[in-house]
């Protein structure tokens, strides 16, 4: 039971840690579902929307994280 709770807590932490990323992925999945319903005879369209959407969200998240990191530079270590 402890392992199950730890797994659930870690899963929840993924969504709490970066809420923007989680919401964006949910949005991409929703748009993909809409495309799949509207164009059932073209299943590749939903796949393309999902792929491009997830890659776009990932790229946006990397840029946001990089920008956030450049505002708070790390201290250089003195050897």
N, C-alpha and C. Protein backbone atom coordinates (compact mmCIF):
# COMPACT_ATOMS: atom_id res chain seq x y z
N UNK A 1 0.82 -1.19 0.00
CA UNK A 1 0.00 0.00 0.00
C UNK A 1 0.87 1.26 0.00
N UNK A 2 2.00 1.20 0.71
CA UNK A 2 2.89 2.35 0.76
C UNK A 2 3.46 2.66 -0.62
N UNK A 3 3.82 1.64 -1.37
CA UNK A 3 4.37 1.84 -2.71
C UNK A 3 3.31 2.45 -3.63
N UNK A 4 2.07 2.01 -3.48
CA UNK A 4 0.98 2.55 -4.28
C UNK A 4 0.77 4.04 -3.97
N UNK A 5 0.78 4.39 -2.70
CA UNK A 5 0.61 5.79 -2.31
C UNK A 5 1.80 6.64 -2.78
N UNK A 6 3.00 6.08 -2.69
CA UNK A 6 4.18 6.82 -3.15
C UNK A 6 4.10 7.07 -4.65
N UNK A 7 3.65 6.06 -5.40
CA UNK A 7 3.49 6.22 -6.85
C UNK A 7 2.44 7.26 -7.18
N UNK A 8 1.32 7.23 -6.46
CA UNK A 8 0.27 8.22 -6.68
C UNK A 8 0.77 9.62 -6.35
N UNK A 9 1.52 9.75 -5.26
CA UNK A 9 2.06 11.05 -4.87
C UNK A 9 3.02 11.59 -5.92
N UNK A 10 3.87 10.71 -6.46
CA UNK A 10 4.81 11.14 -7.51
C UNK A 10 4.07 11.54 -8.78
N UNK A 11 3.02 10.80 -9.12
CA UNK A 11 2.22 11.15 -10.28
C UNK A 11 1.55 12.50 -10.10
N UNK A 12 1.00 12.73 -8.94
CA UNK A 12 0.37 14.01 -8.63
C UNK A 12 1.39 15.14 -8.66
N UNK A 13 2.59 14.88 -8.18
CA UNK A 13 3.65 15.90 -8.16
C UNK A 13 4.03 16.33 -9.57
N UNK A 14 3.92 15.42 -10.54
CA UNK A 14 4.22 15.80 -11.92
C UNK A 14 3.28 16.89 -12.41
N UNK A 15 2.01 16.79 -12.03
CA UNK A 15 1.03 17.78 -12.47
C UNK A 15 1.13 19.06 -11.66
N UNK A 16 1.50 18.97 -10.40
CA UNK A 16 1.59 20.15 -9.56
C UNK A 16 2.88 20.92 -9.85
N UNK A 17 3.94 20.20 -10.14
CA UNK A 17 5.25 20.82 -10.35
C UNK A 17 5.22 21.81 -11.51
N UNK A 18 4.65 21.44 -12.60
CA UNK A 18 4.58 22.33 -13.76
C UNK A 18 3.17 22.27 -14.33
N UNK A 19 2.30 23.06 -13.74
CA UNK A 19 0.90 23.06 -14.13
C UNK A 19 0.68 23.47 -15.57
N UNK A 20 1.49 24.39 -16.07
CA UNK A 20 1.35 24.84 -17.45
C UNK A 20 1.56 23.68 -18.41
N UNK A 21 2.57 22.88 -18.16
CA UNK A 21 2.87 21.76 -19.05
C UNK A 21 1.72 20.75 -19.02
N UNK A 22 1.23 20.44 -17.84
CA UNK A 22 0.14 19.46 -17.73
C UNK A 22 -1.12 19.96 -18.43
N UNK A 23 -1.47 21.21 -18.24
CA UNK A 23 -2.66 21.76 -18.89
C UNK A 23 -2.49 21.81 -20.40
N UNK A 24 -1.31 22.13 -20.85
CA UNK A 24 -1.06 22.19 -22.30
C UNK A 24 -1.19 20.80 -22.92
N UNK A 25 -0.67 19.78 -22.25
CA UNK A 25 -0.78 18.42 -22.78
C UNK A 25 -2.23 17.97 -22.80
N UNK A 26 -2.98 18.29 -21.75
CA UNK A 26 -4.41 17.96 -21.73
C UNK A 26 -5.12 18.67 -22.88
N UNK A 27 -4.74 19.91 -23.15
CA UNK A 27 -5.32 20.64 -24.28
C UNK A 27 -5.00 19.99 -25.61
N UNK A 28 -3.78 19.55 -25.78
CA UNK A 28 -3.38 18.88 -27.02
C UNK A 28 -4.17 17.58 -27.20
N UNK A 29 -4.33 16.84 -26.12
CA UNK A 29 -5.09 15.59 -26.21
C UNK A 29 -6.56 15.88 -26.55
N UNK A 30 -7.11 16.96 -25.97
CA UNK A 30 -8.51 17.32 -26.27
C UNK A 30 -8.67 17.71 -27.75
N UNK A 31 -7.73 18.49 -28.26
CA UNK A 31 -7.80 18.88 -29.67
C UNK A 31 -7.64 17.64 -30.56
N UNK A 32 -6.76 16.74 -30.17
CA UNK A 32 -6.57 15.50 -30.93
C UNK A 32 -7.85 14.68 -30.95
N UNK A 33 -8.53 14.59 -29.82
CA UNK A 33 -9.79 13.85 -29.76
C UNK A 33 -10.84 14.50 -30.66
N UNK A 34 -10.86 15.82 -30.67
CA UNK A 34 -11.80 16.53 -31.53
C UNK A 34 -11.51 16.25 -33.01
N UNK A 35 -10.26 16.27 -33.37
CA UNK A 35 -9.88 15.97 -34.76
C UNK A 35 -10.25 14.53 -35.11
N UNK A 36 -10.05 13.61 -34.17
CA UNK A 36 -10.38 12.21 -34.43
C UNK A 36 -11.88 12.03 -34.64
N UNK A 37 -12.69 12.80 -33.91
CA UNK A 37 -14.15 12.71 -34.07
C UNK A 37 -14.60 13.36 -35.36
N UNK A 38 -14.01 14.50 -35.69
CA UNK A 38 -14.43 15.24 -36.88
C UNK A 38 -13.92 14.62 -38.18
N UNK A 39 -12.81 13.92 -38.12
CA UNK A 39 -12.24 13.31 -39.33
C UNK A 39 -11.93 11.83 -39.07
N UNK A 40 -12.97 11.01 -38.87
CA UNK A 40 -12.71 9.60 -38.54
C UNK A 40 -12.10 8.79 -39.69
N UNK A 41 -12.25 9.27 -40.90
CA UNK A 41 -11.71 8.54 -42.06
C UNK A 41 -10.25 8.89 -42.34
N UNK A 42 -9.71 9.83 -41.56
CA UNK A 42 -8.31 10.24 -41.73
C UNK A 42 -7.63 10.14 -40.37
N UNK A 43 -7.37 8.92 -39.91
CA UNK A 43 -6.79 8.76 -38.57
C UNK A 43 -5.39 9.35 -38.44
N UNK A 44 -4.69 9.47 -39.56
CA UNK A 44 -3.35 10.03 -39.50
C UNK A 44 -3.39 11.51 -39.10
N UNK A 45 -4.50 12.18 -39.35
CA UNK A 45 -4.62 13.60 -38.98
C UNK A 45 -4.55 13.75 -37.47
N UNK A 46 -5.23 12.88 -36.73
CA UNK A 46 -5.18 12.95 -35.27
C UNK A 46 -3.77 12.65 -34.77
N UNK A 47 -3.11 11.71 -35.41
CA UNK A 47 -1.74 11.39 -35.02
C UNK A 47 -0.79 12.54 -35.25
N UNK A 48 -0.97 13.23 -36.36
CA UNK A 48 -0.12 14.39 -36.66
C UNK A 48 -0.38 15.51 -35.67
N UNK A 49 -1.65 15.74 -35.35
CA UNK A 49 -1.99 16.78 -34.37
C UNK A 49 -1.37 16.45 -33.02
N UNK A 50 -1.46 15.19 -32.62
CA UNK A 50 -0.89 14.78 -31.33
C UNK A 50 0.62 14.93 -31.32
N UNK A 51 1.28 14.48 -32.37
CA UNK A 51 2.74 14.58 -32.43
C UNK A 51 3.21 16.03 -32.45
N UNK A 52 2.66 16.82 -33.35
CA UNK A 52 3.09 18.22 -33.47
C UNK A 52 2.72 19.01 -32.21
N UNK A 53 1.55 18.72 -31.67
CA UNK A 53 1.13 19.42 -30.46
C UNK A 53 2.02 19.12 -29.27
N UNK A 54 2.33 17.85 -29.07
CA UNK A 54 3.20 17.48 -27.94
C UNK A 54 4.61 18.02 -28.12
N UNK A 55 5.13 17.95 -29.33
CA UNK A 55 6.46 18.51 -29.57
C UNK A 55 6.47 20.02 -29.38
N UNK A 56 5.40 20.69 -29.80
CA UNK A 56 5.31 22.13 -29.60
C UNK A 56 5.23 22.50 -28.13
N UNK A 57 4.46 21.75 -27.36
CA UNK A 57 4.36 22.00 -25.93
C UNK A 57 5.70 21.75 -25.25
N UNK A 58 6.37 20.68 -25.63
CA UNK A 58 7.68 20.37 -25.06
C UNK A 58 8.68 21.47 -25.39
N UNK A 59 8.70 21.91 -26.63
CA UNK A 59 9.61 22.98 -27.04
C UNK A 59 9.31 24.26 -26.26
N UNK A 60 8.03 24.60 -26.14
CA UNK A 60 7.65 25.79 -25.37
C UNK A 60 8.06 25.69 -23.92
N UNK A 61 7.93 24.51 -23.35
CA UNK A 61 8.32 24.33 -21.95
C UNK A 61 9.84 24.46 -21.78
N UNK A 62 10.60 23.92 -22.71
CA UNK A 62 12.06 24.04 -22.65
C UNK A 62 12.47 25.51 -22.75
N UNK A 63 11.85 26.25 -23.66
CA UNK A 63 12.18 27.67 -23.81
C UNK A 63 11.81 28.44 -22.54
N UNK A 64 10.64 28.16 -21.97
CA UNK A 64 10.23 28.83 -20.74
C UNK A 64 11.20 28.52 -19.60
N UNK A 65 11.61 27.26 -19.48
CA UNK A 65 12.53 26.86 -18.43
C UNK A 65 13.89 27.50 -18.63
N UNK A 66 14.33 27.55 -19.87
CA UNK A 66 15.63 28.17 -20.17
C UNK A 66 15.57 29.67 -19.85
N UNK A 67 14.48 30.30 -20.23
CA UNK A 67 14.34 31.73 -19.96
C UNK A 67 14.29 31.99 -18.46
N UNK A 68 13.57 31.16 -17.75
CA UNK A 68 13.47 31.30 -16.30
C UNK A 68 14.84 31.07 -15.66
N UNK A 69 15.62 30.14 -16.20
CA UNK A 69 16.94 29.86 -15.67
C UNK A 69 17.92 30.98 -15.94
N UNK A 70 17.76 31.69 -17.07
CA UNK A 70 18.69 32.77 -17.39
C UNK A 70 18.45 33.98 -16.52
N UNK A 71 17.26 34.09 -15.95
CA UNK A 71 16.97 35.20 -15.06
C UNK A 71 17.61 34.98 -13.69
N UNK A 72 17.89 33.72 -13.35
CA UNK A 72 18.50 33.37 -12.07
C UNK A 72 19.76 32.57 -12.35
N UNK A 73 20.83 33.25 -12.74
CA UNK A 73 22.05 32.51 -13.08
C UNK A 73 22.62 31.80 -11.86
N UNK A 74 23.21 30.65 -12.14
CA UNK A 74 23.83 29.90 -11.05
C UNK A 74 25.16 30.53 -10.72
N UNK A 75 25.55 30.39 -9.51
CA UNK A 75 26.86 30.92 -9.09
C UNK A 75 27.95 30.01 -9.59
N UNK A 76 29.03 30.58 -10.07
CA UNK A 76 30.13 29.77 -10.53
C UNK A 76 30.89 29.24 -9.33
N UNK A 77 31.36 28.03 -9.46
CA UNK A 77 32.10 27.40 -8.37
C UNK A 77 33.54 27.86 -8.40
N UNK A 78 34.05 28.12 -7.23
CA UNK A 78 35.47 28.51 -7.12
C UNK A 78 36.24 27.27 -6.73
N UNK A 79 37.20 26.89 -7.57
CA UNK A 79 37.95 25.67 -7.30
C UNK A 79 39.15 25.95 -6.45
